[in-house]
């Protein structure tokens, strides 16, 4: 889809109404971009490494991988998972866990660069740890 730039003035309420119209995937991307913007504003000046770390921290799992993973989890939970699907689920789980581990490593490095705790950094960036069942 092509986009064009139009300058208009919106109230925060109107902006929220526009955001409500985004698809689930577009909303996730938008939230990631807003968190990055917030982090940039909270820091007077980001050095190159901090910028790189923030980009890595805010990367999301591609929607096709996430959807496939969610479908396989649902099949596993309903006990309809085939052997091939089980192997695919294991592969995707490893891939997602690796990405999450790299994200945590970046968070730890960024916390160290800023001389703060991991929990404080995550609070400042508006990042919550995900819980898995």
N, C-alpha and C. Protein backbone atom coordinates (compact mmCIF):
# COMPACT_ATOMS: atom_id res chain seq x y z
N UNK A 1 0.84 -1.17 0.00
CA UNK A 1 0.00 0.00 0.00
C UNK A 1 0.89 1.23 0.00
N UNK A 2 0.61 2.18 -0.85
CA UNK A 2 1.35 3.43 -0.89
C UNK A 2 0.81 4.36 0.18
N UNK A 3 1.69 5.19 0.70
CA UNK A 3 1.26 6.18 1.67
C UNK A 3 1.76 7.54 1.23
N UNK A 4 1.03 8.54 1.64
CA UNK A 4 1.44 9.91 1.37
C UNK A 4 1.47 10.65 2.70
N UNK A 5 2.26 11.69 2.74
CA UNK A 5 2.37 12.46 3.96
C UNK A 5 1.42 13.64 3.88
N UNK A 6 0.56 13.73 4.90
CA UNK A 6 -0.39 14.83 5.00
C UNK A 6 -0.24 15.39 6.41
N UNK A 7 -0.04 16.67 6.51
CA UNK A 7 0.08 17.27 7.83
C UNK A 7 -1.28 17.77 8.28
N UNK A 8 -1.71 17.21 9.43
CA UNK A 8 -2.98 17.63 10.02
C UNK A 8 -2.77 17.71 11.53
N UNK A 9 -3.68 18.35 12.17
CA UNK A 9 -3.63 18.41 13.63
C UNK A 9 -4.73 17.52 14.18
N UNK A 10 -4.33 16.61 15.07
CA UNK A 10 -5.27 15.69 15.70
C UNK A 10 -5.17 15.82 17.21
N UNK A 11 -6.29 15.73 17.86
CA UNK A 11 -6.24 15.64 19.31
C UNK A 11 -5.77 14.23 19.66
N UNK A 12 -5.33 14.04 20.89
CA UNK A 12 -4.91 12.70 21.30
C UNK A 12 -6.08 11.72 21.22
N UNK A 13 -7.29 12.19 21.48
CA UNK A 13 -8.46 11.32 21.36
C UNK A 13 -8.68 10.88 19.92
N UNK A 14 -8.53 11.82 18.97
CA UNK A 14 -8.69 11.48 17.56
C UNK A 14 -7.60 10.52 17.10
N UNK A 15 -6.39 10.75 17.60
CA UNK A 15 -5.28 9.86 17.27
C UNK A 15 -5.56 8.45 17.78
N UNK A 16 -6.07 8.34 19.00
CA UNK A 16 -6.41 7.04 19.56
C UNK A 16 -7.49 6.35 18.73
N UNK A 17 -8.47 7.11 18.28
CA UNK A 17 -9.53 6.54 17.43
C UNK A 17 -8.93 6.00 16.13
N UNK A 18 -7.95 6.71 15.58
CA UNK A 18 -7.30 6.25 14.36
C UNK A 18 -6.50 4.98 14.64
N UNK A 19 -5.82 4.94 15.76
CA UNK A 19 -5.02 3.76 16.12
C UNK A 19 -5.92 2.54 16.34
N UNK A 20 -7.11 2.75 16.87
CA UNK A 20 -8.06 1.65 17.09
C UNK A 20 -8.41 0.94 15.79
N UNK A 21 -8.23 1.59 14.67
CA UNK A 21 -8.57 1.00 13.38
C UNK A 21 -7.47 0.11 12.81
N UNK A 22 -6.30 0.11 13.44
CA UNK A 22 -5.19 -0.71 12.95
C UNK A 22 -5.47 -2.19 13.16
N UNK A 23 -4.94 -3.00 12.27
CA UNK A 23 -5.02 -4.45 12.45
C UNK A 23 -4.16 -4.83 13.64
N UNK A 24 -4.33 -6.04 14.14
CA UNK A 24 -3.55 -6.51 15.28
C UNK A 24 -2.06 -6.41 14.99
N UNK A 25 -1.62 -6.86 13.83
CA UNK A 25 -0.20 -6.83 13.48
C UNK A 25 0.31 -5.40 13.34
N UNK A 26 -0.45 -4.54 12.68
CA UNK A 26 -0.04 -3.14 12.54
C UNK A 26 0.01 -2.45 13.90
N UNK A 27 -0.90 -2.83 14.80
CA UNK A 27 -0.91 -2.25 16.14
C UNK A 27 0.35 -2.64 16.89
N UNK A 28 0.79 -3.90 16.78
CA UNK A 28 2.02 -4.34 17.43
C UNK A 28 3.22 -3.55 16.92
N UNK A 29 3.28 -3.36 15.62
CA UNK A 29 4.39 -2.60 15.02
C UNK A 29 4.33 -1.15 15.50
N UNK A 30 3.14 -0.57 15.51
CA UNK A 30 2.97 0.82 15.95
C UNK A 30 3.40 0.99 17.41
N UNK A 31 3.00 0.06 18.25
CA UNK A 31 3.37 0.12 19.68
C UNK A 31 4.88 0.06 19.82
N UNK A 32 5.51 -0.82 19.07
CA UNK A 32 6.98 -0.92 19.11
C UNK A 32 7.61 0.41 18.72
N UNK A 33 7.07 1.04 17.69
CA UNK A 33 7.61 2.32 17.25
C UNK A 33 7.39 3.41 18.30
N UNK A 34 6.24 3.38 18.96
CA UNK A 34 5.95 4.37 20.00
C UNK A 34 6.88 4.17 21.19
N UNK A 35 7.15 2.93 21.56
CA UNK A 35 8.06 2.65 22.67
C UNK A 35 9.46 3.15 22.32
N UNK A 36 9.88 2.94 21.09
CA UNK A 36 11.19 3.44 20.67
C UNK A 36 11.22 4.97 20.74
N UNK A 37 10.16 5.61 20.30
CA UNK A 37 10.07 7.07 20.37
C UNK A 37 10.13 7.55 21.81
N UNK A 38 9.41 6.86 22.69
CA UNK A 38 9.41 7.23 24.11
C UNK A 38 10.82 7.09 24.69
N UNK A 39 11.49 6.02 24.35
CA UNK A 39 12.85 5.81 24.85
C UNK A 39 13.78 6.90 24.35
N UNK A 40 13.61 7.30 23.10
CA UNK A 40 14.45 8.36 22.55
C UNK A 40 14.20 9.68 23.26
N UNK A 41 12.97 9.94 23.59
CA UNK A 41 12.65 11.19 24.28
C UNK A 41 13.11 11.17 25.73
N UNK A 42 13.09 9.98 26.34
CA UNK A 42 13.53 9.87 27.73
C UNK A 42 15.04 10.03 27.86
N UNK A 43 15.73 9.81 26.79
CA UNK A 43 17.18 9.94 26.80
C UNK A 43 17.54 11.17 26.00
N UNK A 44 18.32 12.05 26.61
CA UNK A 44 18.64 13.30 25.92
C UNK A 44 19.39 13.05 24.62
N UNK A 45 20.27 12.05 24.61
CA UNK A 45 21.03 11.78 23.40
C UNK A 45 21.45 10.31 23.42
N UNK A 46 21.02 9.57 22.43
CA UNK A 46 21.41 8.17 22.34
C UNK A 46 22.70 8.05 21.56
N UNK A 47 23.63 7.28 22.11
CA UNK A 47 24.81 7.01 21.30
C UNK A 47 24.49 5.90 20.32
N UNK A 48 25.39 5.61 19.43
CA UNK A 48 25.16 4.64 18.36
C UNK A 48 24.79 3.27 18.92
N UNK A 49 25.52 2.81 19.94
CA UNK A 49 25.26 1.48 20.50
C UNK A 49 23.89 1.41 21.15
N UNK A 50 23.50 2.47 21.88
CA UNK A 50 22.17 2.48 22.49
C UNK A 50 21.08 2.41 21.42
N UNK A 51 21.27 3.12 20.34
CA UNK A 51 20.30 3.08 19.24
C UNK A 51 20.19 1.68 18.65
N UNK A 52 21.34 1.05 18.44
CA UNK A 52 21.34 -0.32 17.90
C UNK A 52 20.62 -1.27 18.85
N UNK A 53 20.90 -1.13 20.15
CA UNK A 53 20.28 -2.01 21.13
C UNK A 53 18.77 -1.81 21.17
N UNK A 54 18.33 -0.55 21.12
CA UNK A 54 16.89 -0.28 21.14
C UNK A 54 16.19 -0.87 19.92
N UNK A 55 16.84 -0.80 18.77
CA UNK A 55 16.25 -1.40 17.57
C UNK A 55 16.09 -2.91 17.74
N UNK A 56 17.11 -3.56 18.30
CA UNK A 56 17.05 -5.01 18.51
C UNK A 56 16.00 -5.36 19.57
N UNK A 57 15.94 -4.57 20.62
CA UNK A 57 14.99 -4.82 21.70
C UNK A 57 13.55 -4.73 21.19
N UNK A 58 13.30 -3.82 20.27
CA UNK A 58 11.94 -3.59 19.80
C UNK A 58 11.55 -4.41 18.58
N UNK A 59 12.42 -5.31 18.14
CA UNK A 59 12.06 -6.19 17.03
C UNK A 59 10.97 -7.14 17.49
N UNK A 60 10.00 -7.34 16.62
CA UNK A 60 8.93 -8.27 16.94
C UNK A 60 9.08 -9.54 16.11
N UNK A 61 8.46 -10.60 16.59
CA UNK A 61 8.47 -11.85 15.84
C UNK A 61 7.57 -11.65 14.62
N UNK A 62 8.05 -11.98 13.43
CA UNK A 62 7.22 -11.80 12.23
C UNK A 62 5.87 -12.49 12.38
N UNK A 63 4.84 -11.85 11.84
CA UNK A 63 3.47 -12.34 12.05
C UNK A 63 3.26 -13.74 11.51
N UNK A 64 3.90 -14.11 10.39
CA UNK A 64 3.70 -15.46 9.86
C UNK A 64 4.26 -16.51 10.82
N UNK A 65 5.40 -16.23 11.42
CA UNK A 65 5.99 -17.16 12.39
C UNK A 65 5.12 -17.22 13.64
N UNK A 66 4.69 -16.06 14.13
CA UNK A 66 3.85 -16.03 15.34
C UNK A 66 2.53 -16.75 15.11
N UNK A 67 1.91 -16.53 13.95
CA UNK A 67 0.65 -17.20 13.65
C UNK A 67 0.81 -18.71 13.56
N UNK A 68 1.87 -19.15 12.88
CA UNK A 68 2.15 -20.58 12.76
C UNK A 68 2.38 -21.18 14.15
N UNK A 69 3.16 -20.50 14.95
CA UNK A 69 3.44 -20.96 16.32
C UNK A 69 2.15 -21.06 17.13
N UNK A 70 1.31 -20.03 17.08
CA UNK A 70 0.04 -20.04 17.81
C UNK A 70 -0.86 -21.18 17.36
N UNK A 71 -0.91 -21.42 16.04
CA UNK A 71 -1.73 -22.52 15.52
C UNK A 71 -1.23 -23.87 16.02
N UNK A 72 0.09 -24.04 16.03
CA UNK A 72 0.65 -25.31 16.49
C UNK A 72 0.42 -25.50 17.99
N UNK A 73 0.50 -24.43 18.75
CA UNK A 73 0.22 -24.50 20.19
C UNK A 73 -1.23 -24.93 20.41
N UNK A 74 -2.14 -24.35 19.63
CA UNK A 74 -3.56 -24.70 19.75
C UNK A 74 -3.78 -26.17 19.41
N UNK A 75 -3.10 -26.66 18.37
CA UNK A 75 -3.23 -28.07 18.00
C UNK A 75 -2.63 -28.96 19.09
N UNK A 76 -1.52 -28.53 19.67
CA UNK A 76 -0.92 -29.29 20.76
C UNK A 76 -1.88 -29.38 21.95
N UNK A 77 -2.49 -28.24 22.27
CA UNK A 77 -3.40 -28.20 23.40
C UNK A 77 -4.66 -29.04 23.17
N UNK A 78 -5.06 -29.14 21.90
CA UNK A 78 -6.24 -29.95 21.59
C UNK A 78 -5.87 -31.40 21.26
N UNK A 79 -4.59 -31.73 21.44
CA UNK A 79 -4.08 -33.10 21.23
C UNK A 79 -4.26 -33.59 19.80
N UNK A 80 -4.14 -32.68 18.83
CA UNK A 80 -4.28 -33.05 17.42
C UNK A 80 -3.00 -32.79 16.63
N UNK A 81 -1.90 -32.63 17.32
CA UNK A 81 -0.62 -32.31 16.70
C UNK A 81 0.00 -33.57 16.10
N UNK A 82 0.40 -33.50 14.83
CA UNK A 82 1.07 -34.63 14.18
C UNK A 82 2.55 -34.61 14.57
N UNK A 83 3.26 -35.69 14.25
CA UNK A 83 4.68 -35.75 14.55
C UNK A 83 5.45 -34.65 13.82
N UNK A 84 5.13 -34.43 12.55
CA UNK A 84 5.79 -33.37 11.78
C UNK A 84 5.50 -32.00 12.37
N UNK A 85 4.25 -31.79 12.78
CA UNK A 85 3.89 -30.52 13.39
C UNK A 85 4.60 -30.34 14.73
N UNK A 86 4.77 -31.44 15.46
CA UNK A 86 5.48 -31.37 16.73
C UNK A 86 6.93 -30.93 16.51
N UNK A 87 7.57 -31.47 15.49
CA UNK A 87 8.94 -31.08 15.16
C UNK A 87 9.00 -29.61 14.76
N UNK A 88 8.02 -29.17 14.01
CA UNK A 88 7.96 -27.75 13.61
C UNK A 88 7.75 -26.86 14.83
N UNK A 89 6.88 -27.30 15.74
CA UNK A 89 6.66 -26.54 16.97
C UNK A 89 7.94 -26.42 17.78
N UNK A 90 8.68 -27.51 17.89
CA UNK A 90 9.96 -27.48 18.61
C UNK A 90 10.94 -26.51 17.95
N UNK A 91 10.99 -26.53 16.62
CA UNK A 91 11.90 -25.64 15.89
C UNK A 91 11.50 -24.18 16.10
N UNK A 92 10.20 -23.89 15.98
CA UNK A 92 9.74 -22.51 16.17
C UNK A 92 9.95 -22.05 17.61
N UNK A 93 9.72 -22.94 18.56
CA UNK A 93 9.94 -22.60 19.96
C UNK A 93 11.39 -22.22 20.20
N UNK A 94 12.30 -22.99 19.63
CA UNK A 94 13.72 -22.69 19.77
C UNK A 94 14.06 -21.34 19.12
N UNK A 95 13.50 -21.09 17.95
CA UNK A 95 13.75 -19.84 17.24
C UNK A 95 13.24 -18.64 18.04
N UNK A 96 12.03 -18.75 18.59
CA UNK A 96 11.44 -17.66 19.36
C UNK A 96 12.19 -17.46 20.67
N UNK A 97 12.56 -18.56 21.32
CA UNK A 97 13.31 -18.45 22.57
C UNK A 97 14.67 -17.81 22.33
N UNK A 98 15.30 -18.13 21.23
CA UNK A 98 16.60 -17.52 20.90
C UNK A 98 16.44 -16.02 20.71
N UNK A 99 15.40 -15.61 19.99
CA UNK A 99 15.16 -14.18 19.78
C UNK A 99 14.89 -13.48 21.11
N UNK A 100 14.11 -14.12 21.99
CA UNK A 100 13.83 -13.53 23.29
C UNK A 100 15.09 -13.44 24.15
N UNK A 101 15.95 -14.47 24.08
CA UNK A 101 17.21 -14.45 24.83
C UNK A 101 18.11 -13.31 24.34
N UNK A 102 18.15 -13.12 23.03
CA UNK A 102 18.96 -12.03 22.47
C UNK A 102 18.39 -10.67 22.90
N UNK A 103 17.09 -10.60 22.98
CA UNK A 103 16.44 -9.36 23.43
C UNK A 103 16.83 -9.06 24.88
N UNK A 104 16.81 -10.08 25.72
CA UNK A 104 17.19 -9.88 27.12
C UNK A 104 18.66 -9.48 27.22
N UNK A 105 19.51 -10.10 26.42
CA UNK A 105 20.93 -9.71 26.41
C UNK A 105 21.09 -8.23 26.04
N UNK A 106 20.33 -7.78 25.06
CA UNK A 106 20.38 -6.37 24.66
C UNK A 106 19.87 -5.47 25.78
N UNK A 107 18.82 -5.90 26.46
CA UNK A 107 18.30 -5.13 27.58
C UNK A 107 19.35 -5.01 28.69
N UNK A 108 20.01 -6.11 29.00
CA UNK A 108 21.05 -6.11 30.05
C UNK A 108 22.19 -5.18 29.64
N UNK A 109 22.62 -5.26 28.39
CA UNK A 109 23.70 -4.39 27.93
C UNK A 109 23.29 -2.93 28.00
N UNK A 110 22.07 -2.63 27.59
CA UNK A 110 21.59 -1.25 27.64
C UNK A 110 21.50 -0.76 29.08
N UNK A 111 21.03 -1.60 29.99
CA UNK A 111 20.97 -1.22 31.40
C UNK A 111 22.37 -0.92 31.93
N UNK A 112 23.33 -1.75 31.55
CA UNK A 112 24.72 -1.52 31.98
C UNK A 112 25.26 -0.21 31.42
N UNK A 113 24.97 0.06 30.14
CA UNK A 113 25.44 1.32 29.53
C UNK A 113 24.85 2.53 30.25
N UNK A 114 23.63 2.40 30.69
CA UNK A 114 22.96 3.52 31.36
C UNK A 114 23.18 3.53 32.87
N UNK A 115 23.87 2.50 33.38
CA UNK A 115 24.15 2.46 34.81
C UNK A 115 22.91 2.30 35.66
N UNK A 116 21.99 1.47 35.20
CA UNK A 116 20.75 1.25 35.92
C UNK A 116 20.45 -0.24 35.99
N UNK A 117 19.45 -0.61 36.76
CA UNK A 117 19.08 -2.02 36.86
C UNK A 117 18.22 -2.41 35.67
N UNK A 118 18.17 -3.69 35.42
CA UNK A 118 17.34 -4.20 34.33
C UNK A 118 15.87 -3.85 34.57
N UNK A 119 15.39 -4.04 35.79
CA UNK A 119 13.99 -3.73 36.10
C UNK A 119 13.67 -2.26 35.89
N UNK A 120 14.57 -1.38 36.31
CA UNK A 120 14.35 0.06 36.12
C UNK A 120 14.33 0.40 34.65
N UNK A 121 15.27 -0.15 33.88
CA UNK A 121 15.30 0.10 32.45
C UNK A 121 14.00 -0.35 31.79
N UNK A 122 13.56 -1.55 32.13
CA UNK A 122 12.33 -2.07 31.53
C UNK A 122 11.13 -1.20 31.91
N UNK A 123 11.08 -0.74 33.15
CA UNK A 123 10.00 0.18 33.56
C UNK A 123 10.05 1.47 32.74
N UNK A 124 11.27 2.01 32.58
CA UNK A 124 11.42 3.25 31.82
C UNK A 124 11.01 3.10 30.36
N UNK A 125 11.27 1.92 29.80
CA UNK A 125 10.93 1.68 28.39
C UNK A 125 9.51 1.17 28.21
N UNK A 126 8.82 0.89 29.32
CA UNK A 126 7.46 0.37 29.24
C UNK A 126 7.41 -1.07 28.77
N UNK A 127 8.45 -1.85 29.11
CA UNK A 127 8.53 -3.24 28.68
C UNK A 127 8.14 -4.14 29.85
N UNK A 128 7.24 -5.07 29.58
CA UNK A 128 6.84 -6.05 30.59
C UNK A 128 7.31 -7.41 30.16
N UNK A 129 7.78 -8.19 31.13
CA UNK A 129 8.19 -9.56 30.81
C UNK A 129 6.96 -10.38 30.46
N UNK A 130 7.10 -11.21 29.44
CA UNK A 130 5.99 -12.07 29.05
C UNK A 130 6.01 -13.31 29.91
N UNK A 131 4.82 -13.79 30.23
CA UNK A 131 4.71 -15.04 30.94
C UNK A 131 4.16 -16.09 29.98
N UNK A 132 4.69 -17.27 30.10
CA UNK A 132 4.30 -18.35 29.20
C UNK A 132 3.66 -19.46 30.02
N UNK A 133 2.68 -20.09 29.41
CA UNK A 133 2.00 -21.21 30.06
C UNK A 133 2.29 -22.50 29.36
